[in-house]
Amino acid sequence: VQVVESGGGLVQAGGSLRLSCTVSGLTFQDYALGWFRQTPGKEREGVAAISTTPDRTYYADSVKGRFAISRDNFKRTLYLQMNNLKPEDTALYYCAADSIWRRDVRRGMRAFEYRGWGQGTQVTVSA
C-alpha cells in the first residue's frame, strides 16, 4: 500500500487548508479511510474517518464543526477540509486505510487498526 499526503503548509489562525491523500495498492473503494495527526512526544490522534460509501463519518471532538472529511473513489483520493484552524491543530497529518468501518468509532479511532501510513504532511498554524 502506498499513501501520499499533500496540502499542508503554514497558515494563520482562522485560516483554512485542504489536505489530500492518494492511495494505491489496495481496492480503494473497499476501505474506510481516516486522517490522523501527531505532534512530537504525543501519540497519534485520530481526527476524522469516513466509510466506504461516504454516508458515515466520524470527527474527534476537537475538530467537529471545523473539519470535513470526504473521498472521491474514482480519483482514489481522500480529502480533509480544515477551516477556522487553531494553533493547537499544528501537527503532522497522516491518512490511512481500515478494512472495515468500526461500529465503535465513536469511542475514538485506533491507529493500529489502520494500514498504509505515508510520510505525512505538516500543518502549522500561527497565532
Protein backbone atom coordinates (compact mmCIF):
# COMPACT_ATOMS: atom_id res chain seq x y z
CA VAL A 1 0.00 0.00 0.00
CA GLN A 2 1.30 3.41 -0.96
CA VAL A 3 -0.07 6.58 0.54
CA VAL A 4 0.90 10.13 -0.34
CA GLU A 5 -0.41 13.05 1.69
CA SER A 6 -0.24 16.64 0.47
CA GLY A 7 -1.70 20.08 1.04
CA GLY A 8 -0.13 21.02 4.34
CA GLY A 9 1.51 24.35 4.98
CA LEU A 10 1.79 27.39 7.20
CA VAL A 11 -1.40 29.31 7.86
CA GLN A 12 -2.58 31.91 10.32
CA ALA A 13 -5.14 31.09 12.96
CA GLY A 14 -8.62 31.25 11.48
CA GLY A 15 -7.37 30.22 8.07
CA SER A 16 -8.12 27.13 6.00
CA LEU A 17 -6.26 24.29 4.35
CA ARG A 18 -7.35 21.32 2.29
CA LEU A 19 -5.35 18.13 2.67
CA SER A 20 -5.34 15.41 0.03
CA CYS A 21 -4.27 11.79 0.18
CA THR A 22 -3.86 9.41 -2.73
CA VAL A 23 -3.88 5.69 -2.03
CA SER A 24 -2.69 2.86 -4.24
CA GLY A 25 -2.06 -0.83 -3.76
CA LEU A 26 -5.49 -1.69 -2.47
CA THR A 27 -9.08 -1.59 -3.73
CA PHE A 28 -9.72 1.99 -2.64
CA GLN A 29 -13.49 1.87 -2.59
CA ASP A 30 -13.48 -1.19 -0.28
CA TYR A 31 -11.68 0.57 2.56
CA ALA A 32 -12.76 3.00 5.21
CA LEU A 33 -10.28 5.86 5.45
CA GLY A 34 -9.07 8.12 8.18
CA TRP A 35 -6.95 11.12 9.00
CA PHE A 36 -4.64 11.13 11.99
CA ARG A 37 -2.28 13.74 13.36
CA GLN A 38 0.76 13.63 15.58
CA THR A 39 2.96 16.08 17.39
CA PRO A 40 6.38 15.27 18.86
CA GLY A 41 6.16 13.29 22.06
CA LYS A 42 2.46 12.53 21.70
CA GLU A 43 0.52 9.56 20.42
CA ARG A 44 -1.06 9.61 17.01
CA GLU A 45 -4.56 11.07 17.31
CA GLY A 46 -7.49 10.10 15.12
CA VAL A 47 -9.06 13.20 13.62
CA ALA A 48 -11.70 12.04 11.15
CA ALA A 49 -12.86 8.87 9.44
CA ILE A 50 -15.15 8.07 6.54
CA SER A 51 -16.84 4.84 5.47
CA THR A 52 -16.59 3.19 2.06
CA THR A 53 -19.87 4.62 0.92
CA PRO A 54 -19.32 8.06 2.38
CA ASP A 55 -22.54 8.20 4.37
CA ARG A 56 -20.85 7.64 7.69
CA THR A 57 -18.25 9.91 9.16
CA TYR A 58 -16.58 10.41 12.50
CA TYR A 59 -14.86 13.50 13.88
CA ALA A 60 -12.85 13.95 17.02
CA ASP A 61 -14.47 16.47 19.35
CA SER A 62 -11.51 18.80 18.91
CA VAL A 63 -12.25 19.30 15.19
CA LYS A 64 -16.01 18.79 15.00
CA GLY A 65 -17.69 21.65 13.13
CA ARG A 66 -14.39 22.86 11.65
CA PHE A 67 -13.07 19.92 9.64
CA ALA A 68 -14.81 17.95 6.88
CA ILE A 69 -13.65 14.62 5.51
CA SER A 70 -14.60 13.46 2.03
CA ARG A 71 -13.48 10.95 -0.58
CA ASP A 72 -13.51 10.54 -4.33
CA ASN A 73 -13.44 6.82 -5.09
CA PHE A 74 -12.90 7.47 -8.80
CA LYS A 75 -9.78 9.54 -8.13
CA ARG A 76 -8.70 7.26 -5.26
CA THR A 77 -8.28 10.35 -3.15
CA LEU A 78 -9.20 11.27 0.41
CA TYR A 79 -9.63 14.89 1.49
CA LEU A 80 -9.70 16.85 4.71
CA GLN A 81 -11.05 20.38 4.54
CA MET A 82 -9.83 22.26 7.59
CA ASN A 83 -11.46 25.58 8.44
CA ASN A 84 -11.04 28.00 11.34
CA LEU A 85 -7.66 26.49 12.11
CA LYS A 86 -6.20 26.92 15.56
CA PRO A 87 -2.59 26.78 16.76
CA GLU A 88 -3.40 23.50 18.53
CA ASP A 89 -4.12 21.96 15.12
CA THR A 90 -0.41 22.17 14.35
CA ALA A 91 0.78 18.62 13.66
CA LEU A 92 1.96 16.16 11.07
CA TYR A 93 -1.16 14.82 9.37
CA TYR A 94 -1.41 11.28 8.04
CA CYS A 95 -4.05 9.32 6.20
CA ALA A 96 -4.51 5.56 6.34
CA ALA A 97 -6.96 2.82 5.41
CA ASP A 98 -9.02 0.43 7.51
CA SER A 99 -10.51 -2.76 6.08
CA ILE A 100 -13.84 -2.16 7.81
CA TRP A 101 -15.94 0.64 9.28
CA ARG A 102 -15.62 0.30 13.02
CA ARG A 103 -19.02 0.39 14.71
CA ASP A 104 -17.39 1.68 17.89
CA VAL A 105 -15.56 4.51 16.13
CA ARG A 106 -17.44 6.94 18.37
CA ARG A 107 -15.08 5.80 21.13
CA GLY A 108 -12.16 7.02 19.05
CA MET A 109 -10.01 5.87 16.16
CA ARG A 110 -7.31 3.32 16.87
CA ALA A 111 -4.17 3.73 14.77
CA PHE A 112 -3.23 0.05 14.98
CA GLU A 113 -6.35 -0.85 13.01
CA TYR A 114 -5.18 1.21 10.03
CA ARG A 115 -2.61 0.48 7.38
CA GLY A 116 -0.72 2.26 4.64
CA TRP A 117 0.88 5.10 6.56
CA GLY A 118 2.58 7.71 4.39
CA GLN A 119 5.16 10.36 5.22
CA GLY A 120 2.53 12.80 6.37
CA THR A 121 2.02 16.46 5.55
CA GLN A 122 2.91 19.19 8.03
CA VAL A 123 0.29 21.68 9.11
CA THR A 124 1.49 24.68 11.08
CA VAL A 125 -0.95 27.25 12.42
CA SER A 126 0.46 30.50 13.74
CA ALA A 127 -1.31 32.53 16.39
